[in-house]
Amino acid sequence: MRIAHLAASVAVLGTATLSLGFATPSPAPAVSSAGTSFLTAVAISPDQPATVSAVTGDYLYWSFSASAGQNPTLAATVTLPDSGRTGSQAWTVEVFDGLRRRQACVAGEQSPVADTGASSLALGCRLRQIRSWAEPWDGDPLPGTYYVRLSSTELPEQDLGLPIKVGLTLTAPAGDTGADQGELEAPLVPVNRPGEVLTAAPVVSASAEPTESAFSADWVPEFSSRWVWTVSGGVLAAITGLIGFSWTRRRRPA
């Protein structure tokens, strides 16, 4: 009897384990809004569709997080109005990192043009692989928050305000994770606190204050090329003045 109960328990546990192991995760709910600036950008995640109703002339902003080794890829579709258009329209999709630096797209139609009879147009942008570290002067993409801006760049003034529908999807396939041998100290995520006034004064300890010496040379300006040009210009001006004075002064008769 005990063996039978034990076998039944093992079977139940095995069934539960299989059901948990092969359970498919539920997809993230679709996003139905977009921001109008960097501060109001709507966050999206990979494989989370975004569908927004807007008008021509609007600037639409989204944001997403990227980690090292990923290749973020964006695909957008703009459904244009069937009637009321008077000319062709040019659209563009741009991606900025957390420091508001515009990132280059290595694949995808970033700035397509829709003819007057076109019903929709497709845009795309694939970023370079997110690096784990970079030199301070490099513009390589690093882990952190990225911003997507979708807008129309050229269109007839009469077409402003026409209704459109925008669909955006984000994928983040993994690339070569062992290409970079380094680690970023902190992600490039800006601290956005609009409307907050910082009133607290910085605290400076007494030990951190520098001690002034009687023979301090802090008042001496730093020697740079600006001082070289200033001194050289003054010397040349003085020499030119002396030469001019010697040429123009009247000699007294002997």
Foldseek 3Di string as FASTA:
>chain_A
DVVVVVVVVVVVVVVVVVCVVPPDDDDDEAAAAFDQDPLRGAEDEAPHKYKYKDAAPGKGKHKYWDAAQWWKKKKKKKFFDQDQFDFKWKKFKWKAFLVRHTFAFPDWAGIDMGGRRDGMDMTMGIGDGAHQDDDPPDPHHHTDMMMMIIHIDDGDPSRTGGMMMMMMHMHIDGHPRPPDDDHDPDGSHDDDDPPDDDDDDDDDDPVPDDDDDPPDPPVPDDDDVVVVVVVVVVVVVVVVVVVVCVVPDDDDDD
